Amino acid sequence: MAVRKVALACSVCGSRNYMVAEKKDRTERLTLRKFCKHCGKYTIHRETR
């Protein structure tokens, strides 16, 4: 069984900076506060499909 990965995109500039493993039991999109190298600051990153 392969692990499925999803991308996290910056909510400010839209760049996809991070890849995380998907959990099967999660029903809503993942939202994390991560550093965006394009914006140069910490922003909200949301899971993309």
C-alpha atoms as a PDB file:
ATOM      1  CA  MET A   1       0.000   0.000   0.000  1.00  0.00           C
ATOM      2  CA  ALA A   2       1.520   3.308  -1.085  1.00  0.00           C
ATOM      3  CA  VAL A   3       1.357   6.450   1.007  1.00  0.00           C
ATOM      4  CA  ARG A   4      -0.572   9.189  -0.746  1.00  0.00           C
ATOM      5  CA  LYS A   5       0.863  12.688  -0.457  1.00  0.00           C
ATOM      6  CA  VAL A   6      -0.969  15.995  -0.657  1.00  0.00           C
ATOM      7  CA  ALA A   7       0.449  19.477  -1.218  1.00  0.00           C
ATOM      8  CA  LEU A   8       0.115  22.443   1.137  1.00  0.00           C
ATOM      9  CA  ALA A   9      -0.350  25.772  -0.643  1.00  0.00           C
ATOM     10  CA  CYS A  10       0.253  29.239   0.797  1.00  0.00           C
ATOM     11  CA  SER A  11      -3.001  31.186   1.249  1.00  0.00           C
ATOM     12  CA  VAL A  12      -1.265  34.490   0.381  1.00  0.00           C
ATOM     13  CA  CYS A  13       0.752  33.777  -2.783  1.00  0.00           C
ATOM     14  CA  GLY A  14      -0.641  30.341  -3.734  1.00  0.00           C
ATOM     15  CA  SER A  15       2.727  28.572  -4.073  1.00  0.00           C
ATOM     16  CA  ARG A  16       2.831  24.899  -3.114  1.00  0.00           C
ATOM     17  CA  ASN A  17       5.713  24.669  -0.631  1.00  0.00           C
ATOM     18  CA  TYR A  18       5.128  21.497   1.400  1.00  0.00           C
ATOM     19  CA  MET A  19       4.145  17.858   0.832  1.00  0.00           C
ATOM     20  CA  VAL A  20       2.599  15.806   3.655  1.00  0.00           C
ATOM     21  CA  ALA A  21       1.281  12.262   3.952  1.00  0.00           C
ATOM     22  CA  GLU A  22      -2.496  11.969   3.835  1.00  0.00           C
ATOM     23  CA  LYS A  23      -4.391  10.330   6.698  1.00  0.00           C
ATOM     24  CA  LYS A  24      -7.441   8.304   5.733  1.00  0.00           C
ATOM     25  CA  ASP A  25      -9.526   9.204   8.811  1.00  0.00           C
ATOM     26  CA  ARG A  26      -9.358  12.988   8.230  1.00  0.00           C
ATOM     27  CA  THR A  27     -12.577  14.453   6.756  1.00  0.00           C
ATOM     28  CA  GLU A  28     -11.654  18.136   6.341  1.00  0.00           C
ATOM     29  CA  ARG A  29      -8.714  19.842   4.673  1.00  0.00           C
ATOM     30  CA  LEU A  30      -5.540  20.284   6.679  1.00  0.00           C
ATOM     31  CA  THR A  31      -4.572  23.857   7.671  1.00  0.00           C
ATOM     32  CA  LEU A  32      -1.149  24.646   9.161  1.00  0.00           C
ATOM     33  CA  ARG A  33       0.879  27.760   9.872  1.00  0.00           C
ATOM     34  CA  LYS A  34       4.159  27.274   7.973  1.00  0.00           C
ATOM     35  CA  PHE A  35       6.989  29.427   6.621  1.00  0.00           C
ATOM     36  CA  CYS A  36       6.576  30.489   2.983  1.00  0.00           C
ATOM     37  CA  LYS A  37       9.916  31.023   1.261  1.00  0.00           C
ATOM     38  CA  HIS A  38       8.275  33.157  -1.449  1.00  0.00           C
ATOM     39  CA  CYS A  39       6.485  35.523   0.967  1.00  0.00           C
ATOM     40  CA  GLY A  40       9.355  35.462   3.485  1.00  0.00           C
ATOM     41  CA  LYS A  41       7.053  35.050   6.499  1.00  0.00           C
ATOM     42  CA  TYR A  42       4.815  32.582   8.326  1.00  0.00           C
ATOM     43  CA  THR A  43       1.434  32.196   6.607  1.00  0.00           C
ATOM     44  CA  ILE A  44      -1.512  29.817   6.618  1.00  0.00           C
ATOM     45  CA  HIS A  45      -0.986  26.822   4.315  1.00  0.00           C
ATOM     46  CA  ARG A  46      -3.989  24.751   3.239  1.00  0.00           C
ATOM     47  CA  GLU A  47      -4.226  21.285   1.741  1.00  0.00           C
ATOM     48  CA  THR A  48      -4.811  21.204  -2.013  1.00  0.00           C
ATOM     49  CA  ARG A  49      -6.394  18.380  -3.957  1.00  0.00           C
END
